[in-house]
Amino acid sequence: DFIFLDTETSGLSGGTGTYAFEVGLGRFTDQGFKLAQFFMRHPGEEPALLAGLSQFMNGMKAVVTYNGKSFDIPLLNTRYTLMGMTSPFSDVDHFDLLHLARRLWRIRLESRSLSSVEQEILGVNRSDQEVPGYLIPEMYFDYLKTKDARPMAGIFYHNAIDILSLAGLFSHMAFLLHDPHSDKIQYGEDVVALARFFESLGDITRAEDLYEKALISNLPEDLYWDTLERFSFFLKRKGDWESAIKLWEIAAKNNALYAHEELAKYYEHHVKDLETARNWTLAAKTILQQGYLPAYEFNRWQEQLDHRLDRLDRRLENQEKS
C-alpha cells in the first residue's frame, strides 16, 4: 500500500503553467514490483492522465518521493484543482526521502541528488539510454512539434530508473534505521550520521551506542574531534559526568578550548575545587594566545575566560579570608 512516484514535467521551476506530461508510479504486489508510466501524447490528455493516477492510487496509504513535498505533489495537486478533479494525494501519508538522505549522507556525500545517492549508496549506474533531467522539458516540446516519439524512450528510461531507485532507497533506509549496528555499514561517517539522527529522535540508548562505535571507527580527523565534542555534550546532558570528563580530557590534550572550559566549570561548580578550575582556565588562556582564531571568536573566548578567571580569583580570595 505504498506508491513510489516521480514526475517528468514541462518545466523545472513549478508554477501553475507547469504540468506533468509523464508520471511514473511503482508499488510492490504479490506478483513482484509493478511499474506504470502515464504519458500525455498531447496536453489535451491531461484529465485522462490524472484519472489514471487516481485509479492506480486507489487504496494506497502512502506515497514515497524524492523532493516530492516541494515539487511533485504540489504540482500534481495544482493540476487536479485546475482540471476540477479531486487529488488522490490529499488523504495519504507522504515520505520524502530527500530529507532523510540529507541527514544520513550529508557528511559523506557532496551531493544528495537522487542520481548521486543511487550511484554512491545503491551502486546503480545508469546506461547510455539515460537523459539528463534538464533536457527533458525541451525534448517533450520537440516531440509535440515533430510527433517523433523515438527520443522519448530516454525519458521513459530516466523515469523508470528513478522509480526503481526510490523503491531500493526506501528499503535501504528502512534497513539502516532498523539495524544501525549492522556490519554492512562500512563507513564511520554513516555511523556518525545515524548517531545524530537517533539523538534527534530522543533515542538515547541507540545514539550513545552509535557515538561510541563511531569514535573507534576510522573517521577523518576533523570529524573525529567534532564527534567527540558532540558526544561529550550528549553525555553531559544525560548526566554522565564521568564519561564526559574523560572525553574532555582527551580533547584538552588536543588544545580544544571548549574542553578546558567545561573542565573548569565542572571543578568549580560540582567538585568545588576552585584552584583546579582556575588552572584549567589559565591553560585555556594560554592556548588562546597561541592560536589563530578569527578576531570575533578570539574576542568572545577572551571575554568568557577573563570573566571566569576574575570570578574564580574573587572566590579564592574570599575563601582565604574565611
C-alpha atoms as a PDB file:
ATOM      1  CA  ASP A   1       0.000   0.000   0.000  1.00  0.00           C
ATOM      2  CA  PHE A   2       2.967   2.321  -0.682  1.00  0.00           C
ATOM      3  CA  ILE A   3       3.295   4.153  -4.008  1.00  0.00           C
ATOM      4  CA  PHE A   4       6.672   5.295  -5.354  1.00  0.00           C
ATOM      5  CA  LEU A   5       6.168   8.359  -7.557  1.00  0.00           C
ATOM      6  CA  ASP A   6       8.224  10.566  -9.855  1.00  0.00           C
ATOM      7  CA  THR A   7       7.145  13.105 -12.467  1.00  0.00           C
ATOM      8  CA  GLU A   8       8.618  14.446 -15.694  1.00  0.00           C
ATOM      9  CA  THR A   9       7.396  17.969 -16.265  1.00  0.00           C
ATOM     10  CA  SER A  10       7.152  20.758 -18.828  1.00  0.00           C
ATOM     11  CA  GLY A  11       9.369  22.962 -16.651  1.00  0.00           C
ATOM     12  CA  LEU A  12      11.736  22.682 -13.716  1.00  0.00           C
ATOM     13  CA  SER A  13      10.590  25.696 -11.694  1.00  0.00           C
ATOM     14  CA  GLY A  14       6.984  24.751 -10.998  1.00  0.00           C
ATOM     15  CA  GLY A  15       4.129  27.263 -11.091  1.00  0.00           C
ATOM     16  CA  THR A  16       0.603  26.993 -12.478  1.00  0.00           C
ATOM     17  CA  GLY A  17       1.889  26.894 -16.069  1.00  0.00           C
ATOM     18  CA  THR A  18       3.943  23.759 -15.430  1.00  0.00           C
ATOM     19  CA  TYR A  19       2.358  20.344 -15.879  1.00  0.00           C
ATOM     20  CA  ALA A  20       3.481  16.738 -15.589  1.00  0.00           C
ATOM     21  CA  PHE A  21       3.477  15.132 -19.038  1.00  0.00           C
ATOM     22  CA  GLU A  22       4.663  11.820 -17.611  1.00  0.00           C
ATOM     23  CA  VAL A  23       4.174  10.306 -14.180  1.00  0.00           C
ATOM     24  CA  GLY A  24       5.838   7.089 -13.067  1.00  0.00           C
ATOM     25  CA  LEU A  25       4.282   5.038 -10.287  1.00  0.00           C
ATOM     26  CA  GLY A  26       5.510   1.833  -8.723  1.00  0.00           C
ATOM     27  CA  ARG A  27       4.336  -0.480  -5.972  1.00  0.00           C
ATOM     28  CA  PHE A  28       5.074  -3.896  -4.542  1.00  0.00           C
ATOM     29  CA  THR A  29       2.492  -6.590  -5.324  1.00  0.00           C
ATOM     30  CA  ASP A  30       2.231 -10.320  -4.707  1.00  0.00           C
ATOM     31  CA  GLN A  31       3.483 -10.817  -8.276  1.00  0.00           C
ATOM     32  CA  GLY A  32       6.508  -8.528  -7.805  1.00  0.00           C
ATOM     33  CA  PHE A  33       7.189  -4.838  -8.326  1.00  0.00           C
ATOM     34  CA  LYS A  34       4.676  -3.209 -10.654  1.00  0.00           C
ATOM     35  CA  LEU A  35       5.738  -0.114 -12.596  1.00  0.00           C
ATOM     36  CA  ALA A  36       3.262   2.043 -14.525  1.00  0.00           C
ATOM     37  CA  GLN A  37       4.106   5.121 -16.583  1.00  0.00           C
ATOM     38  CA  PHE A  38       1.360   7.533 -17.573  1.00  0.00           C
ATOM     39  CA  PHE A  39       2.231   9.670 -20.612  1.00  0.00           C
ATOM     40  CA  MET A  40       0.381  12.547 -22.274  1.00  0.00           C
ATOM     41  CA  ARG A  41       0.684  12.378 -26.042  1.00  0.00           C
ATOM     42  CA  HIS A  42      -0.600  15.959 -26.040  1.00  0.00           C
ATOM     43  CA  PRO A  43      -1.762  18.377 -23.285  1.00  0.00           C
ATOM     44  CA  GLY A  44      -5.397  17.589 -24.034  1.00  0.00           C
ATOM     45  CA  GLU A  45      -4.902  14.176 -22.464  1.00  0.00           C
ATOM     46  CA  GLU A  46      -4.132  15.614 -19.014  1.00  0.00           C
ATOM     47  CA  PRO A  47      -7.551  14.714 -17.498  1.00  0.00           C
ATOM     48  CA  ALA A  48      -7.072  11.122 -18.643  1.00  0.00           C
ATOM     49  CA  LEU A  49      -3.576  11.007 -17.162  1.00  0.00           C
ATOM     50  CA  LEU A  50      -4.819  12.363 -13.819  1.00  0.00           C
ATOM     51  CA  ALA A  51      -7.714   9.883 -13.815  1.00  0.00           C
ATOM     52  CA  GLY A  52      -5.234   7.072 -14.433  1.00  0.00           C
ATOM     53  CA  LEU A  53      -3.139   8.196 -11.459  1.00  0.00           C
ATOM     54  CA  SER A  54      -6.212   8.262  -9.245  1.00  0.00           C
ATOM     55  CA  GLN A  55      -7.134   4.727 -10.264  1.00  0.00           C
ATOM     56  CA  PHE A  56      -3.596   3.434  -9.619  1.00  0.00           C
ATOM     57  CA  MET A  57      -3.563   5.225  -6.234  1.00  0.00           C
ATOM     58  CA  ASN A  58      -6.863   3.681  -5.137  1.00  0.00           C
ATOM     59  CA  GLY A  59      -6.459   2.013  -1.736  1.00  0.00           C
ATOM     60  CA  MET A  60      -2.912   3.253  -1.192  1.00  0.00           C
ATOM     61  CA  LYS A  61      -1.897   4.606   2.217  1.00  0.00           C
ATOM     62  CA  ALA A  62       1.339   6.454   1.441  1.00  0.00           C
ATOM     63  CA  VAL A  63       3.330   7.996  -1.381  1.00  0.00           C
ATOM     64  CA  VAL A  64       7.148   7.960  -1.499  1.00  0.00           C
ATOM     65  CA  THR A  65       9.022  10.640  -3.470  1.00  0.00           C
ATOM     66  CA  TYR A  66      12.373  12.378  -3.713  1.00  0.00           C
ATOM     67  CA  ASN A  67      11.845  16.130  -3.232  1.00  0.00           C
ATOM     68  CA  GLY A  68       8.162  15.493  -3.837  1.00  0.00           C
ATOM     69  CA  LYS A  69       6.974  17.633  -0.940  1.00  0.00           C
ATOM     70  CA  SER A  70       8.443  20.704  -2.581  1.00  0.00           C
ATOM     71  CA  PHE A  71       7.781  19.863  -6.225  1.00  0.00           C
ATOM     72  CA  ASP A  72       5.948  16.756  -7.486  1.00  0.00           C
ATOM     73  CA  ILE A  73       2.964  16.584  -5.144  1.00  0.00           C
ATOM     74  CA  PRO A  74       2.173  20.343  -5.029  1.00  0.00           C
ATOM     75  CA  LEU A  75       2.404  20.404  -8.837  1.00  0.00           C
ATOM     76  CA  LEU A  76       0.033  17.432  -9.211  1.00  0.00           C
ATOM     77  CA  ASN A  77      -2.385  18.858  -6.635  1.00  0.00           C
ATOM     78  CA  THR A  78      -2.484  22.099  -8.632  1.00  0.00           C
ATOM     79  CA  ARG A  79      -3.220  20.226 -11.863  1.00  0.00           C
ATOM     80  CA  TYR A  80      -6.061  18.275 -10.231  1.00  0.00           C
ATOM     81  CA  THR A  81      -7.546  21.554  -8.981  1.00  0.00           C
ATOM     82  CA  LEU A  82      -7.242  23.236 -12.381  1.00  0.00           C
ATOM     83  CA  MET A  83      -8.974  20.255 -14.006  1.00  0.00           C
ATOM     84  CA  GLY A  84     -11.777  20.327 -11.418  1.00  0.00           C
ATOM     85  CA  MET A  85     -10.761  16.916 -10.080  1.00  0.00           C
ATOM     86  CA  THR A  86     -10.079  15.606  -6.565  1.00  0.00           C
ATOM     87  CA  SER A  87      -6.435  14.834  -5.831  1.00  0.00           C
ATOM     88  CA  PRO A  88      -5.740  11.299  -4.570  1.00  0.00           C
ATOM     89  CA  PHE A  89      -2.728  12.594  -2.601  1.00  0.00           C
ATOM     90  CA  SER A  90      -4.623  14.701  -0.060  1.00  0.00           C
ATOM     91  CA  ASP A  91      -5.513  11.812   2.255  1.00  0.00           C
ATOM     92  CA  VAL A  92      -2.313   9.728   2.172  1.00  0.00           C
ATOM     93  CA  ASP A  93       0.929   9.945   4.120  1.00  0.00           C
ATOM     94  CA  HIS A  94       3.977  11.280   2.288  1.00  0.00           C
ATOM     95  CA  PHE A  95       7.564  10.135   2.734  1.00  0.00           C
ATOM     96  CA  ASP A  96      10.005  12.483   1.017  1.00  0.00           C
ATOM     97  CA  LEU A  97      13.310  10.601   1.018  1.00  0.00           C
ATOM     98  CA  LEU A  98      15.377  13.690   0.165  1.00  0.00           C
ATOM     99  CA  HIS A  99      15.144  14.994   3.720  1.00  0.00           C
ATOM    100  CA  LEU A 100      16.257  11.708   5.254  1.00  0.00           C
ATOM    101  CA  ALA A 101      19.017  11.321   2.643  1.00  0.00           C
ATOM    102  CA  ARG A 102      20.389  14.713   3.653  1.00  0.00           C
ATOM    103  CA  ARG A 103      20.529  13.640   7.278  1.00  0.00           C
ATOM    104  CA  LEU A 104      22.055  10.229   6.583  1.00  0.00           C
ATOM    105  CA  TRP A 105      24.655  11.187   3.975  1.00  0.00           C
ATOM    106  CA  ARG A 106      25.362  14.908   4.341  1.00  0.00           C
ATOM    107  CA  ILE A 107      28.719  14.078   5.925  1.00  0.00           C
ATOM    108  CA  ARG A 108      29.943  11.614   3.307  1.00  0.00           C
ATOM    109  CA  LEU A 109      28.407  12.782   0.019  1.00  0.00           C
ATOM    110  CA  GLU A 110      28.918  16.165  -1.592  1.00  0.00           C
ATOM    111  CA  SER A 111      25.615  15.848  -3.476  1.00  0.00           C
ATOM    112  CA  ARG A 112      22.421  14.223  -2.244  1.00  0.00           C
ATOM    113  CA  SER A 113      20.644  14.291  -5.601  1.00  0.00           C
ATOM    114  CA  LEU A 114      18.820  11.054  -6.400  1.00  0.00           C
ATOM    115  CA  SER A 115      21.327  10.171  -9.127  1.00  0.00           C
ATOM    116  CA  SER A 116      24.267  10.717  -6.734  1.00  0.00           C
ATOM    117  CA  VAL A 117      22.685   8.761  -3.895  1.00  0.00           C
ATOM    118  CA  GLU A 118      21.667   5.856  -6.117  1.00  0.00           C
ATOM    119  CA  GLN A 119      25.193   5.613  -7.504  1.00  0.00           C
ATOM    120  CA  GLU A 120      27.122   6.062  -4.236  1.00  0.00           C
ATOM    121  CA  ILE A 121      24.756   4.234  -1.880  1.00  0.00           C
ATOM    122  CA  LEU A 122      22.913   1.687  -4.046  1.00  0.00           C
ATOM    123  CA  GLY A 123      25.668   1.113  -6.620  1.00  0.00           C
ATOM    124  CA  VAL A 124      23.352   1.903  -9.539  1.00  0.00           C
ATOM    125  CA  ASN A 125      24.982   3.010 -12.783  1.00  0.00           C
ATOM    126  CA  ARG A 126      22.589   4.171 -15.475  1.00  0.00           C
ATOM    127  CA  SER A 127      23.064   3.059 -19.061  1.00  0.00           C
ATOM    128  CA  ASP A 128      23.688   5.278 -22.090  1.00  0.00           C
ATOM    129  CA  GLN A 129      19.892   5.483 -22.515  1.00  0.00           C
ATOM    130  CA  GLU A 130      19.859   7.996 -19.666  1.00  0.00           C
ATOM    131  CA  VAL A 131      18.689  11.537 -20.443  1.00  0.00           C
ATOM    132  CA  PRO A 132      19.852  14.425 -18.207  1.00  0.00           C
ATOM    133  CA  GLY A 133      16.928  15.882 -16.307  1.00  0.00           C
ATOM    134  CA  TYR A 134      17.494  19.437 -17.509  1.00  0.00           C
ATOM    135  CA  LEU A 135      16.954  18.338 -21.139  1.00  0.00           C
ATOM    136  CA  ILE A 136      13.614  16.652 -20.536  1.00  0.00           C
ATOM    137  CA  PRO A 137      11.228  19.646 -20.875  1.00  0.00           C
ATOM    138  CA  GLU A 138      12.868  20.711 -24.149  1.00  0.00           C
ATOM    139  CA  MET A 139      12.696  17.151 -25.505  1.00  0.00           C
ATOM    140  CA  TYR A 140       8.975  16.957 -24.763  1.00  0.00           C
ATOM    141  CA  PHE A 141       8.251  20.205 -26.571  1.00  0.00           C
ATOM    142  CA  ASP A 142      10.278  18.953 -29.545  1.00  0.00           C
ATOM    143  CA  TYR A 143       8.142  15.819 -29.514  1.00  0.00           C
ATOM    144  CA  LEU A 144       4.933  17.893 -29.539  1.00  0.00           C
ATOM    145  CA  LYS A 145       6.204  19.677 -32.667  1.00  0.00           C
ATOM    146  CA  THR A 146       7.583  16.667 -34.564  1.00  0.00           C
ATOM    147  CA  LYS A 147       5.362  13.827 -33.236  1.00  0.00           C
ATOM    148  CA  ASP A 148       8.512  11.674 -33.351  1.00  0.00           C
ATOM    149  CA  ALA A 149       8.312   9.651 -30.143  1.00  0.00           C
ATOM    150  CA  ARG A 150      11.576   7.754 -30.535  1.00  0.00           C
ATOM    151  CA  PRO A 151      13.683  10.216 -28.464  1.00  0.00           C
ATOM    152  CA  MET A 152      11.130   9.887 -25.646  1.00  0.00           C
ATOM    153  CA  ALA A 153      12.480   6.395 -24.903  1.00  0.00           C
ATOM    154  CA  GLY A 154      15.330   8.006 -22.984  1.00  0.00           C
ATOM    155  CA  ILE A 155      12.839   9.925 -20.834  1.00  0.00           C
ATOM    156  CA  PHE A 156      10.854   6.769 -20.100  1.00  0.00           C
ATOM    157  CA  TYR A 157      14.108   5.050 -19.084  1.00  0.00           C
ATOM    158  CA  HIS A 158      15.093   8.005 -16.853  1.00  0.00           C
ATOM    159  CA  ASN A 159      11.713   7.926 -15.134  1.00  0.00           C
ATOM    160  CA  ALA A 160      11.691   4.145 -14.691  1.00  0.00           C
ATOM    161  CA  ILE A 161      15.128   4.114 -13.043  1.00  0.00           C
ATOM    162  CA  ASP A 162      14.041   6.968 -10.754  1.00  0.00           C
ATOM    163  CA  ILE A 163      11.107   4.863  -9.554  1.00  0.00           C
ATOM    164  CA  LEU A 164      13.208   1.721  -9.063  1.00  0.00           C
ATOM    165  CA  SER A 165      15.865   3.732  -7.221  1.00  0.00           C
ATOM    166  CA  LEU A 166      13.182   5.198  -4.961  1.00  0.00           C
ATOM    167  CA  ALA A 167      11.993   1.718  -4.024  1.00  0.00           C
ATOM    168  CA  GLY A 168      15.543   0.483  -3.458  1.00  0.00           C
ATOM    169  CA  LEU A 169      16.493   3.552  -1.451  1.00  0.00           C
ATOM    170  CA  PHE A 170      13.382   3.318   0.709  1.00  0.00           C
ATOM    171  CA  SER A 171      14.206  -0.319   1.516  1.00  0.00           C
ATOM    172  CA  HIS A 172      17.849   0.523   2.245  1.00  0.00           C
ATOM    173  CA  MET A 173      16.914   3.390   4.561  1.00  0.00           C
ATOM    174  CA  ALA A 174      14.465   1.149   6.396  1.00  0.00           C
ATOM    175  CA  PHE A 175      17.269  -1.403   6.853  1.00  0.00           C
ATOM    176  CA  LEU A 176      19.676   1.241   8.222  1.00  0.00           C
ATOM    177  CA  LEU A 177      17.180   2.533  10.762  1.00  0.00           C
ATOM    178  CA  HIS A 178      16.094  -0.966  11.768  1.00  0.00           C
ATOM    179  CA  ASP A 179      19.636  -2.325  12.208  1.00  0.00           C
ATOM    180  CA  PRO A 180      22.050   0.633  12.595  1.00  0.00           C
ATOM    181  CA  HIS A 181      24.747  -1.635  14.085  1.00  0.00           C
ATOM    182  CA  SER A 182      24.912  -3.900  11.042  1.00  0.00           C
ATOM    183  CA  ASP A 183      28.379  -4.873   9.843  1.00  0.00           C
ATOM    184  CA  LYS A 184      27.186  -3.947   6.356  1.00  0.00           C
ATOM    185  CA  ILE A 185      27.512  -0.259   7.321  1.00  0.00           C
ATOM    186  CA  GLN A 186      31.087   0.222   6.183  1.00  0.00           C
ATOM    187  CA  TYR A 187      31.672   3.958   6.677  1.00  0.00           C
ATOM    188  CA  GLY A 188      32.275   5.640  10.011  1.00  0.00           C
ATOM    189  CA  GLU A 189      30.706   8.802   8.588  1.00  0.00           C
ATOM    190  CA  ASP A 190      27.416   6.915   8.212  1.00  0.00           C
ATOM    191  CA  VAL A 191      27.620   5.695  11.809  1.00  0.00           C
ATOM    192  CA  VAL A 192      28.063   9.300  12.970  1.00  0.00           C
ATOM    193  CA  ALA A 193      25.055  10.377  10.900  1.00  0.00           C
ATOM    194  CA  LEU A 194      22.936   7.607  12.412  1.00  0.00           C
ATOM    195  CA  ALA A 195      24.050   8.603  15.914  1.00  0.00           C
ATOM    196  CA  ARG A 196      22.986  12.202  15.271  1.00  0.00           C
ATOM    197  CA  PHE A 197      19.697  11.005  13.777  1.00  0.00           C
ATOM    198  CA  PHE A 198      18.755   8.831  16.747  1.00  0.00           C
ATOM    199  CA  GLU A 199      19.829  11.582  19.150  1.00  0.00           C
ATOM    200  CA  SER A 200      17.435  13.960  17.380  1.00  0.00           C
ATOM    201  CA  LEU A 201      14.655  11.398  17.854  1.00  0.00           C
ATOM    202  CA  GLY A 202      15.430  11.157  21.568  1.00  0.00           C
ATOM    203  CA  ASP A 203      16.536   7.521  21.288  1.00  0.00           C
ATOM    204  CA  ILE A 204      19.296   7.931  23.876  1.00  0.00           C
ATOM    205  CA  THR A 205      20.396   4.298  24.070  1.00  0.00           C
ATOM    206  CA  ARG A 206      20.890   3.837  20.325  1.00  0.00           C
ATOM    207  CA  ALA A 207      22.531   7.248  19.944  1.00  0.00           C
ATOM    208  CA  GLU A 208      25.042   6.560  22.725  1.00  0.00           C
ATOM    209  CA  ASP A 209      25.961   3.142  21.345  1.00  0.00           C
ATOM    210  CA  LEU A 210      26.449   4.595  17.861  1.00  0.00           C
ATOM    211  CA  TYR A 211      28.583   7.516  19.078  1.00  0.00           C
ATOM    212  CA  GLU A 212      30.827   5.041  20.907  1.00  0.00           C
ATOM    213  CA  LYS A 213      31.048   2.873  17.801  1.00  0.00           C
ATOM    214  CA  ALA A 214      31.853   5.895  15.613  1.00  0.00           C
ATOM    215  CA  LEU A 215      34.718   7.042  17.825  1.00  0.00           C
ATOM    216  CA  ILE A 216      36.546   3.719  17.450  1.00  0.00           C
ATOM    217  CA  SER A 217      35.981   3.606  13.685  1.00  0.00           C
ATOM    218  CA  ASN A 218      38.285   5.104  11.086  1.00  0.00           C
ATOM    219  CA  LEU A 219      36.928   8.669  10.993  1.00  0.00           C
ATOM    220  CA  PRO A 220      38.602  11.600   9.231  1.00  0.00           C
ATOM    221  CA  GLU A 221      40.409  13.666  11.870  1.00  0.00           C
ATOM    222  CA  ASP A 222      38.102  16.705  11.758  1.00  0.00           C
ATOM    223  CA  LEU A 223      35.025  14.515  12.020  1.00  0.00           C
ATOM    224  CA  TYR A 224      36.564  12.554  14.894  1.00  0.00           C
ATOM    225  CA  TRP A 225      37.072  15.673  17.010  1.00  0.00           C
ATOM    226  CA  ASP A 226      33.664  17.055  16.079  1.00  0.00           C
ATOM    227  CA  THR A 227      32.011  13.758  17.046  1.00  0.00           C
ATOM    228  CA  LEU A 228      33.932  13.582  20.304  1.00  0.00           C
ATOM    229  CA  GLU A 229      32.718  17.094  21.147  1.00  0.00           C
ATOM    230  CA  ARG A 230      29.095  16.280  20.265  1.00  0.00           C
ATOM    231  CA  PHE A 231      29.213  13.068  22.271  1.00  0.00           C
ATOM    232  CA  SER A 232      30.722  14.798  25.297  1.00  0.00           C
ATOM    233  CA  PHE A 233      27.819  17.263  25.464  1.00  0.00           C
ATOM    234  CA  PHE A 234      25.395  14.403  24.877  1.00  0.00           C
ATOM    235  CA  LEU A 235      26.847  12.699  27.964  1.00  0.00           C
ATOM    236  CA  LYS A 236      26.728  15.964  29.917  1.00  0.00           C
ATOM    237  CA  ARG A 237      23.014  16.387  29.155  1.00  0.00           C
ATOM    238  CA  LYS A 238      22.490  12.776  30.183  1.00  0.00           C
ATOM    239  CA  GLY A 239      24.240  13.456  33.500  1.00  0.00           C
ATOM    240  CA  ASP A 240      27.085  11.004  32.873  1.00  0.00           C
ATOM    241  CA  TRP A 241      29.799  13.329  34.125  1.00  0.00           C
ATOM    242  CA  GLU A 242      32.468  10.645  34.478  1.00  0.00           C
ATOM    243  CA  SER A 243      32.282   9.708  30.795  1.00  0.00           C
ATOM    244  CA  ALA A 244      32.021  13.317  29.661  1.00  0.00           C
ATOM    245  CA  ILE A 245      35.122  14.269  31.661  1.00  0.00           C
ATOM    246  CA  LYS A 246      37.141  11.503  30.020  1.00  0.00           C
ATOM    247  CA  LEU A 247      36.272  12.902  26.606  1.00  0.00           C
ATOM    248  CA  TRP A 248      37.017  16.494  27.668  1.00  0.00           C
ATOM    249  CA  GLU A 249      40.420  15.402  28.961  1.00  0.00           C
ATOM    250  CA  ILE A 250      41.179  13.773  25.593  1.00  0.00           C
ATOM    251  CA  ALA A 251      40.044  16.911  23.751  1.00  0.00           C
ATOM    252  CA  ALA A 252      42.026  19.136  26.116  1.00  0.00           C
ATOM    253  CA  LYS A 253      45.219  17.333  25.101  1.00  0.00           C
ATOM    254  CA  ASN A 254      44.338  18.423  21.561  1.00  0.00           C
ATOM    255  CA  ASN A 255      44.094  22.047  22.798  1.00  0.00           C
ATOM    256  CA  ALA A 256      40.302  22.227  22.491  1.00  0.00           C
ATOM    257  CA  LEU A 257      39.153  25.386  24.257  1.00  0.00           C
ATOM    258  CA  TYR A 258      35.642  24.099  24.894  1.00  0.00           C
ATOM    259  CA  ALA A 259      37.097  21.113  26.787  1.00  0.00           C
ATOM    260  CA  HIS A 260      39.159  23.359  29.067  1.00  0.00           C
ATOM    261  CA  GLU A 261      36.106  25.496  29.747  1.00  0.00           C
ATOM    262  CA  GLU A 262      33.887  22.512  30.525  1.00  0.00           C
ATOM    263  CA  LEU A 263      36.501  21.074  32.891  1.00  0.00           C
ATOM    264  CA  ALA A 264      36.810  24.446  34.604  1.00  0.00           C
ATOM    265  CA  LYS A 265      33.020  24.571  35.020  1.00  0.00           C
ATOM    266  CA  TYR A 266      32.956  21.043  36.389  1.00  0.00           C
ATOM    267  CA  TYR A 267      35.632  21.627  39.008  1.00  0.00           C
ATOM    268  CA  GLU A 268      34.168  24.967  40.040  1.00  0.00           C
ATOM    269  CA  HIS A 269      30.505  24.022  40.329  1.00  0.00           C
ATOM    270  CA  HIS A 270      30.462  20.278  41.021  1.00  0.00           C
ATOM    271  CA  VAL A 271      33.716  19.450  42.813  1.00  0.00           C
ATOM    272  CA  LYS A 272      34.110  22.918  44.377  1.00  0.00           C
ATOM    273  CA  ASP A 273      37.825  22.728  43.606  1.00  0.00           C
ATOM    274  CA  LEU A 274      38.438  26.365  42.698  1.00  0.00           C
ATOM    275  CA  GLU A 275      42.188  26.037  42.263  1.00  0.00           C
ATOM    276  CA  THR A 276      41.864  23.238  39.690  1.00  0.00           C
ATOM    277  CA  ALA A 277      39.144  25.214  37.912  1.00  0.00           C
ATOM    278  CA  ARG A 278      41.496  28.220  37.814  1.00  0.00           C
ATOM    279  CA  ASN A 279      44.297  26.088  36.362  1.00  0.00           C
ATOM    280  CA  TRP A 280      42.066  24.836  33.539  1.00  0.00           C
ATOM    281  CA  THR A 281      41.024  28.425  32.803  1.00  0.00           C
ATOM    282  CA  LEU A 282      44.634  29.633  32.725  1.00  0.00           C
ATOM    283  CA  ALA A 283      45.566  26.762  30.407  1.00  0.00           C
ATOM    284  CA  ALA A 284      42.751  27.807  28.085  1.00  0.00           C
ATOM    285  CA  LYS A 285      44.022  31.403  28.040  1.00  0.00           C
ATOM    286  CA  THR A 286      47.490  30.167  27.098  1.00  0.00           C
ATOM    287  CA  ILE A 287      46.081  28.115  24.215  1.00  0.00           C
ATOM    288  CA  LEU A 288      44.000  31.097  23.090  1.00  0.00           C
ATOM    289  CA  GLN A 289      47.062  33.323  22.869  1.00  0.00           C
ATOM    290  CA  GLN A 290      48.927  30.724  20.841  1.00  0.00           C
ATOM    291  CA  GLY A 291      46.091  30.040  18.419  1.00  0.00           C
ATOM    292  CA  TYR A 292      44.944  31.706  15.221  1.00  0.00           C
ATOM    293  CA  LEU A 293      41.222  32.205  15.702  1.00  0.00           C
ATOM    294  CA  PRO A 294      39.234  34.816  13.774  1.00  0.00           C
ATOM    295  CA  ALA A 295      39.049  38.121  15.653  1.00  0.00           C
ATOM    296  CA  TYR A 296      35.380  37.810  16.643  1.00  0.00           C
ATOM    297  CA  GLU A 297      35.920  34.304  18.005  1.00  0.00           C
ATOM    298  CA  PHE A 298      39.140  35.278  19.777  1.00  0.00           C
ATOM    299  CA  ASN A 299      37.392  38.210  21.470  1.00  0.00           C
ATOM    300  CA  ARG A 300      34.454  36.065  22.528  1.00  0.00           C
ATOM    301  CA  TRP A 301      36.706  33.442  24.109  1.00  0.00           C
ATOM    302  CA  GLN A 302      38.914  36.044  25.770  1.00  0.00           C
ATOM    303  CA  GLU A 303      35.909  37.759  27.331  1.00  0.00           C
ATOM    304  CA  GLN A 304      34.499  34.459  28.604  1.00  0.00           C
ATOM    305  CA  LEU A 305      37.779  33.261  30.061  1.00  0.00           C
ATOM    306  CA  ASP A 306      38.645  36.617  31.668  1.00  0.00           C
ATOM    307  CA  HIS A 307      35.204  36.751  33.266  1.00  0.00           C
ATOM    308  CA  ARG A 308      35.608  33.216  34.618  1.00  0.00           C
ATOM    309  CA  LEU A 309      39.131  33.898  35.885  1.00  0.00           C
ATOM    310  CA  ASP A 310      38.061  37.105  37.658  1.00  0.00           C
ATOM    311  CA  ARG A 311      35.241  35.274  39.405  1.00  0.00           C
ATOM    312  CA  LEU A 312      37.496  32.400  40.448  1.00  0.00           C
ATOM    313  CA  ASP A 313      40.127  34.814  41.792  1.00  0.00           C
ATOM    314  CA  ARG A 314      37.483  36.618  43.860  1.00  0.00           C
ATOM    315  CA  ARG A 315      36.118  33.355  45.215  1.00  0.00           C
ATOM    316  CA  LEU A 316      39.605  32.098  46.078  1.00  0.00           C
ATOM    317  CA  GLU A 317      40.378  35.385  47.838  1.00  0.00           C
ATOM    318  CA  ASN A 318      37.189  35.176  49.874  1.00  0.00           C
ATOM    319  CA  GLN A 319      37.964  31.545  50.654  1.00  0.00           C
ATOM    320  CA  GLU A 320      41.372  32.528  52.038  1.00  0.00           C
ATOM    321  CA  LYS A 321      39.880  35.302  54.165  1.00  0.00           C
ATOM    322  CA  SER A 322      37.327  32.990  55.657  1.00  0.00           C
END
